[in-house]
C-alpha atoms as a PDB file:
ATOM      1  CA  MET A   1     141.804 201.988 108.825  1.00  0.00           C
ATOM      2  CA  ALA A   2     141.146 205.744 108.681  1.00  0.00           C
ATOM      3  CA  ALA A   3     142.050 207.589 105.496  1.00  0.00           C
ATOM      4  CA  ALA A   4     145.437 209.305 105.374  1.00  0.00           C
ATOM      5  CA  LEU A   5     145.622 213.095 105.682  1.00  0.00           C
ATOM      6  CA  PHE A   6     145.282 214.193 102.052  1.00  0.00           C
ATOM      7  CA  PRO A   7     142.673 211.576 100.996  1.00  0.00           C
ATOM      8  CA  MET A   8     140.624 212.500 104.080  1.00  0.00           C
ATOM      9  CA  LEU A   9     140.743 216.246 103.379  1.00  0.00           C
ATOM     10  CA  LEU A  10     140.096 215.914  99.627  1.00  0.00           C
ATOM     11  CA  GLY A  11     137.291 213.334  99.906  1.00  0.00           C
ATOM     12  CA  SER A  12     135.913 212.201  96.556  1.00  0.00           C
ATOM     13  CA  GLU A  13     138.280 214.572  94.679  1.00  0.00           C
ATOM     14  CA  TRP A  14     141.201 212.365  95.775  1.00  0.00           C
ATOM     15  CA  ASN A  15     140.472 209.539  93.328  1.00  0.00           C
ATOM     16  CA  THR A  16     140.497 211.872  90.303  1.00  0.00           C
ATOM     17  CA  LEU A  17     144.099 213.009  90.853  1.00  0.00           C
ATOM     18  CA  ASP A  18     147.017 211.673  88.820  1.00  0.00           C
ATOM     19  CA  GLU A  19     148.880 208.632  90.172  1.00  0.00           C
ATOM     20  CA  SER A  20     152.058 210.644  90.903  1.00  0.00           C
ATOM     21  CA  VAL A  21     150.081 213.005  93.177  1.00  0.00           C
ATOM     22  CA  ARG A  22     148.231 210.174  94.947  1.00  0.00           C
ATOM     23  CA  ARG A  23     151.500 208.321  95.520  1.00  0.00           C
ATOM     24  CA  MET A  24     153.206 211.398  97.008  1.00  0.00           C
ATOM     25  CA  HIS A  25     150.281 212.274  99.296  1.00  0.00           C
ATOM     26  CA  GLY A  26     148.979 208.749  99.975  1.00  0.00           C
ATOM     27  CA  ASP A  27     149.251 206.519 103.000  1.00  0.00           C
ATOM     28  CA  ALA A  28     152.736 204.972 102.803  1.00  0.00           C
ATOM     29  CA  PRO A  29     154.252 205.182 106.329  1.00  0.00           C
ATOM     30  CA  SER A  30     157.339 206.840 104.868  1.00  0.00           C
ATOM     31  CA  LEU A  31     158.365 208.185 101.510  1.00  0.00           C
ATOM     32  CA  ARG A  32     161.562 209.505  99.951  1.00  0.00           C
ATOM     33  CA  ALA A  33     161.691 211.460  96.716  1.00  0.00           C
ATOM     34  CA  ARG A  34     164.346 213.294  94.736  1.00  0.00           C
ATOM     35  CA  GLY A  35     164.145 216.061  92.204  1.00  0.00           C
ATOM     36  CA  GLU A  36     165.018 219.612  91.418  1.00  0.00           C
ATOM     37  CA  ALA A  37     163.688 223.067  92.300  1.00  0.00           C
ATOM     38  CA  ASP A  38     164.252 226.691  91.462  1.00  0.00           C
ATOM     39  CA  VAL A  39     164.074 228.748  94.672  1.00  0.00           C
ATOM     40  CA  GLY A  40     163.494 232.488  94.687  1.00  0.00           C
ATOM     41  CA  GLY A  41     162.907 235.239  97.189  1.00  0.00           C
ATOM     42  CA  ALA A  42     163.438 238.916  97.812  1.00  0.00           C
ATOM     43  CA  ALA A  43     167.012 239.977  98.573  1.00  0.00           C
ATOM     44  CA  ASN A  44     166.098 242.586 101.203  1.00  0.00           C
ATOM     45  CA  ILE A  45     167.316 242.099 104.767  1.00  0.00           C
ATOM     46  CA  ALA A  46     163.812 241.490 106.184  1.00  0.00           C
ATOM     47  CA  ALA A  47     163.184 238.620 103.741  1.00  0.00           C
ATOM     48  CA  ARG A  48     166.611 237.079 104.382  1.00  0.00           C
ATOM     49  CA  VAL A  49     166.214 237.230 108.181  1.00  0.00           C
ATOM     50  CA  LEU A  50     162.641 235.880 108.136  1.00  0.00           C
ATOM     51  CA  ARG A  51     163.619 233.012 105.810  1.00  0.00           C
ATOM     52  CA  ARG A  52     166.369 232.054 108.226  1.00  0.00           C
ATOM     53  CA  LEU A  53     164.154 232.322 111.335  1.00  0.00           C
ATOM     54  CA  VAL A  54     161.398 230.159 109.862  1.00  0.00           C
ATOM     55  CA  GLY A  55     163.728 227.680 108.181  1.00  0.00           C
ATOM     56  CA  LEU A  56     162.921 228.439 104.551  1.00  0.00           C
ATOM     57  CA  PRO A  57     165.354 227.604 101.741  1.00  0.00           C
ATOM     58  CA  THR A  58     167.780 230.152 100.365  1.00  0.00           C
ATOM     59  CA  PRO A  59     167.316 231.225  96.736  1.00  0.00           C
ATOM     60  CA  GLY A  60     169.114 229.400  93.938  1.00  0.00           C
ATOM     61  CA  THR A  61     168.399 227.817  90.570  1.00  0.00           C
ATOM     62  CA  ARG A  62     168.290 224.109  89.756  1.00  0.00           C
ATOM     63  CA  ARG A  63     168.759 223.132  93.410  1.00  0.00           C
ATOM     64  CA  GLN A  64     168.898 219.410  94.058  1.00  0.00           C
ATOM     65  CA  LEU A  65     165.953 218.481  96.265  1.00  0.00           C
ATOM     66  CA  GLU A  66     165.532 215.538  98.599  1.00  0.00           C
ATOM     67  CA  PHE A  67     162.104 215.201 100.163  1.00  0.00           C
ATOM     68  CA  CYS A  68     161.078 212.834 102.961  1.00  0.00           C
ATOM     69  CA  ILE A  69     157.692 212.264 104.576  1.00  0.00           C
ATOM     70  CA  GLU A  70     157.145 210.319 107.795  1.00  0.00           C
ATOM     71  CA  ARG A  71     153.496 209.532 108.500  1.00  0.00           C
ATOM     72  CA  ASN A  72     151.936 208.706 111.823  1.00  0.00           C
ATOM     73  CA  GLY A  73     148.184 208.383 111.289  1.00  0.00           C
ATOM     74  CA  ARG A  74     146.990 211.683 109.869  1.00  0.00           C
ATOM     75  CA  ARG A  75     150.106 213.540 111.001  1.00  0.00           C
ATOM     76  CA  GLU A  76     152.928 213.999 108.502  1.00  0.00           C
ATOM     77  CA  THR A  77     156.445 215.300 109.059  1.00  0.00           C
ATOM     78  CA  TRP A  78     157.970 216.740 105.900  1.00  0.00           C
ATOM     79  CA  LYS A  79     161.714 217.304 105.504  1.00  0.00           C
ATOM     80  CA  ARG A  80     162.920 219.104 102.397  1.00  0.00           C
ATOM     81  CA  ASN A  81     166.628 219.416 101.649  1.00  0.00           C
ATOM     82  CA  PHE A  82     167.283 222.034  98.957  1.00  0.00           C
ATOM     83  CA  SER A  83     171.014 221.413  98.296  1.00  0.00           C
ATOM     84  CA  GLY A  84     171.829 221.605 102.006  1.00  0.00           C
ATOM     85  CA  SER A  85     169.172 224.198 102.937  1.00  0.00           C
ATOM     86  CA  ILE A  86     166.841 222.198 105.230  1.00  0.00           C
ATOM     87  CA  MET A  87     163.130 223.007 105.636  1.00  0.00           C
ATOM     88  CA  CYS A  88     160.976 220.942 108.033  1.00  0.00           C
ATOM     89  CA  SER A  89     157.264 221.169 108.715  1.00  0.00           C
ATOM     90  CA  VAL A  90     154.511 219.139 110.363  1.00  0.00           C
ATOM     91  CA  LEU A  91     151.121 218.718 108.697  1.00  0.00           C
ATOM     92  CA  ASP A  92     147.919 217.539 110.342  1.00  0.00           C
ATOM     93  CA  PRO A  93     144.163 218.136 110.163  1.00  0.00           C
ATOM     94  CA  SER A  94     142.618 221.039 112.058  1.00  0.00           C
ATOM     95  CA  GLY A  95     138.875 221.618 111.875  1.00  0.00           C
ATOM     96  CA  GLY A  96     138.547 220.424 108.279  1.00  0.00           C
ATOM     97  CA  HIS A  97     141.650 222.337 107.185  1.00  0.00           C
ATOM     98  CA  LEU A  98     145.224 221.255 106.595  1.00  0.00           C
ATOM     99  CA  ARG A  99     147.503 222.814 109.203  1.00  0.00           C
ATOM    100  CA  GLU A 100     151.187 223.158 108.345  1.00  0.00           C
ATOM    101  CA  ARG A 101     153.475 224.129 111.219  1.00  0.00           C
ATOM    102  CA  LEU A 102     156.777 225.681 110.278  1.00  0.00           C
ATOM    103  CA  GLY A 103     158.805 226.935 113.223  1.00  0.00           C
ATOM    104  CA  PRO A 104     156.632 229.296 115.294  1.00  0.00           C
ATOM    105  CA  LEU A 105     154.121 229.708 112.453  1.00  0.00           C
ATOM    106  CA  ALA A 106     151.094 227.599 111.569  1.00  0.00           C
ATOM    107  CA  PHE A 107     149.219 227.974 108.287  1.00  0.00           C
ATOM    108  CA  LEU A 108     145.670 226.713 107.722  1.00  0.00           C
ATOM    109  CA  PHE A 109     144.802 225.659 104.177  1.00  0.00           C
ATOM    110  CA  ASP A 110     141.718 224.423 102.381  1.00  0.00           C
ATOM    111  CA  LEU A 111     142.626 221.801  99.780  1.00  0.00           C
ATOM    112  CA  HIS A 112     140.746 221.479  96.485  1.00  0.00           C
ATOM    113  CA  ARG A 113     141.354 219.640  93.232  1.00  0.00           C
ATOM    114  CA  ASP A 114     141.905 222.032  90.352  1.00  0.00           C
ATOM    115  CA  GLY A 115     142.389 220.127  87.109  1.00  0.00           C
ATOM    116  CA  ASP A 116     145.228 217.673  87.707  1.00  0.00           C
ATOM    117  CA  ALA A 117     146.523 219.552  90.773  1.00  0.00           C
ATOM    118  CA  ILE A 118     145.789 220.204  94.430  1.00  0.00           C
ATOM    119  CA  ASP A 119     145.197 223.885  95.081  1.00  0.00           C
ATOM    120  CA  TRP A 120     146.157 224.954  98.620  1.00  0.00           C
ATOM    121  CA  GLN A 121     144.108 228.004  99.671  1.00  0.00           C
ATOM    122  CA  LEU A 122     145.396 229.890 102.718  1.00  0.00           C
ATOM    123  CA  ARG A 123     142.644 230.420 105.303  1.00  0.00           C
ATOM    124  CA  GLY A 124     144.624 231.649 108.293  1.00  0.00           C
ATOM    125  CA  THR A 125     148.011 232.090 109.909  1.00  0.00           C
ATOM    126  CA  ARG A 126     148.996 231.774 113.566  1.00  0.00           C
ATOM    127  CA  LEU A 127     152.171 232.853 115.323  1.00  0.00           C
ATOM    128  CA  LEU A 128     152.808 230.853 118.508  1.00  0.00           C
ATOM    129  CA  GLY A 129     149.120 229.882 118.397  1.00  0.00           C
ATOM    130  CA  ILE A 130     147.846 233.476 118.119  1.00  0.00           C
ATOM    131  CA  PRO A 131     145.785 234.255 114.974  1.00  0.00           C
ATOM    132  CA  LEU A 132     147.362 236.926 112.791  1.00  0.00           C
ATOM    133  CA  PRO A 133     145.308 239.497 110.874  1.00  0.00           C
ATOM    134  CA  ARG A 134     144.920 238.539 107.213  1.00  0.00           C
ATOM    135  CA  TRP A 135     146.862 241.593 106.000  1.00  0.00           C
ATOM    136  CA  ILE A 136     149.958 240.504 107.949  1.00  0.00           C
ATOM    137  CA  SER A 137     149.738 236.915 106.676  1.00  0.00           C
ATOM    138  CA  GLY A 138     150.294 237.965 103.104  1.00  0.00           C
ATOM    139  CA  GLU A 139     149.514 235.589 100.274  1.00  0.00           C
ATOM    140  CA  VAL A 140     150.440 231.962  99.786  1.00  0.00           C
ATOM    141  CA  LEU A 141     149.926 230.434  96.359  1.00  0.00           C
ATOM    142  CA  SER A 142     150.534 226.696  96.364  1.00  0.00           C
ATOM    143  CA  ARG A 143     149.758 223.934  93.875  1.00  0.00           C
ATOM    144  CA  SER A 144     150.913 220.350  93.667  1.00  0.00           C
ATOM    145  CA  GLY A 145     150.131 218.249  90.629  1.00  0.00           C
ATOM    146  CA  SER A 146     151.601 216.221  87.815  1.00  0.00           C
ATOM    147  CA  ARG A 147     153.680 217.246  84.817  1.00  0.00           C
ATOM    148  CA  ASN A 148     155.195 214.795  82.335  1.00  0.00           C
ATOM    149  CA  GLY A 149     154.403 211.892  84.685  1.00  0.00           C
ATOM    150  CA  ARG A 150     156.283 213.480  87.589  1.00  0.00           C
ATOM    151  CA  TYR A 151     155.005 215.098  90.752  1.00  0.00           C
ATOM    152  CA  ALA A 152     155.278 218.874  90.243  1.00  0.00           C
ATOM    153  CA  PHE A 153     154.881 221.745  92.703  1.00  0.00           C
ATOM    154  CA  GLU A 154     154.715 225.538  92.809  1.00  0.00           C
ATOM    155  CA  VAL A 155     154.807 227.649  95.976  1.00  0.00           C
ATOM    156  CA  ASP A 156     154.888 231.456  96.258  1.00  0.00           C
ATOM    157  CA  VAL A 157     154.791 233.250  99.620  1.00  0.00           C
ATOM    158  CA  ARG A 158     154.422 237.021  99.440  1.00  0.00           C
ATOM    159  CA  MET A 159     154.289 239.358 102.413  1.00  0.00           C
ATOM    160  CA  PRO A 160     153.447 243.032 102.785  1.00  0.00           C
ATOM    161  CA  LEU A 161     156.494 245.317 102.907  1.00  0.00           C
ATOM    162  CA  ILE A 162     158.794 242.335 102.227  1.00  0.00           C
ATOM    163  CA  GLY A 163     157.720 241.103  98.812  1.00  0.00           C
ATOM    164  CA  THR A 164     158.377 237.483  97.882  1.00  0.00           C
ATOM    165  CA  LEU A 165     159.506 235.777 101.059  1.00  0.00           C
ATOM    166  CA  VAL A 166     160.139 232.518  99.213  1.00  0.00           C
ATOM    167  CA  SER A 167     159.060 230.828  96.021  1.00  0.00           C
ATOM    168  CA  TYR A 168     159.962 227.395  94.794  1.00  0.00           C
ATOM    169  CA  ARG A 169     158.862 225.276  91.877  1.00  0.00           C
ATOM    170  CA  GLY A 170     160.096 222.024  90.522  1.00  0.00           C
ATOM    171  CA  TRP A 171     159.525 218.296  90.387  1.00  0.00           C
ATOM    172  CA  LEU A 172     160.037 215.136  92.417  1.00  0.00           C
ATOM    173  CA  GLU A 173     160.173 211.395  91.716  1.00  0.00           C
ATOM    174  CA  VAL A 174     159.524 208.865  94.475  1.00  0.00           C
ATOM    175  CA  VAL A 175     162.586 206.674  95.115  1.00  0.00           C
ATOM    176  CA  ASP A 176     161.282 204.778  98.151  1.00  0.00           C
ATOM    177  CA  GLY A 177     157.769 204.473  99.576  1.00  0.00           C
END
């Protein structure tokens, strides 16, 4: 059987990650997890409209988070429910990168182990399949690792002229999968 998405992209680095990270990003056909996240983002109208168009969560502290992954080979569908604010994306491999599709946008990431975490490095952004110039794409800082035996994550998306489009950080515990 071929390796699941994250083990395939991380190669030998996969086996050095903490158990909570390997369980979350492993090869179970489906997974459900629950936890909590603090969600932030700029309050300007451009940020609010773009968050809504792309399906990003609205800001709030200590938001209850339900997270589900459905895997079909190396393709994963992620559904995140931040206290009723739903965010869905599809992840799959693309030329050695991780591609995450979110609405009309697709982000290409290189994945690397950094200590006990996976560091997601943005390599490109596409809108409806058309590559965007790097300066428009902004900056995405994303890490997923382990803290106190739990799966922990940090995501910050910053865009020119908008500021922080969305940021969220928190933890999850697998409840099924």
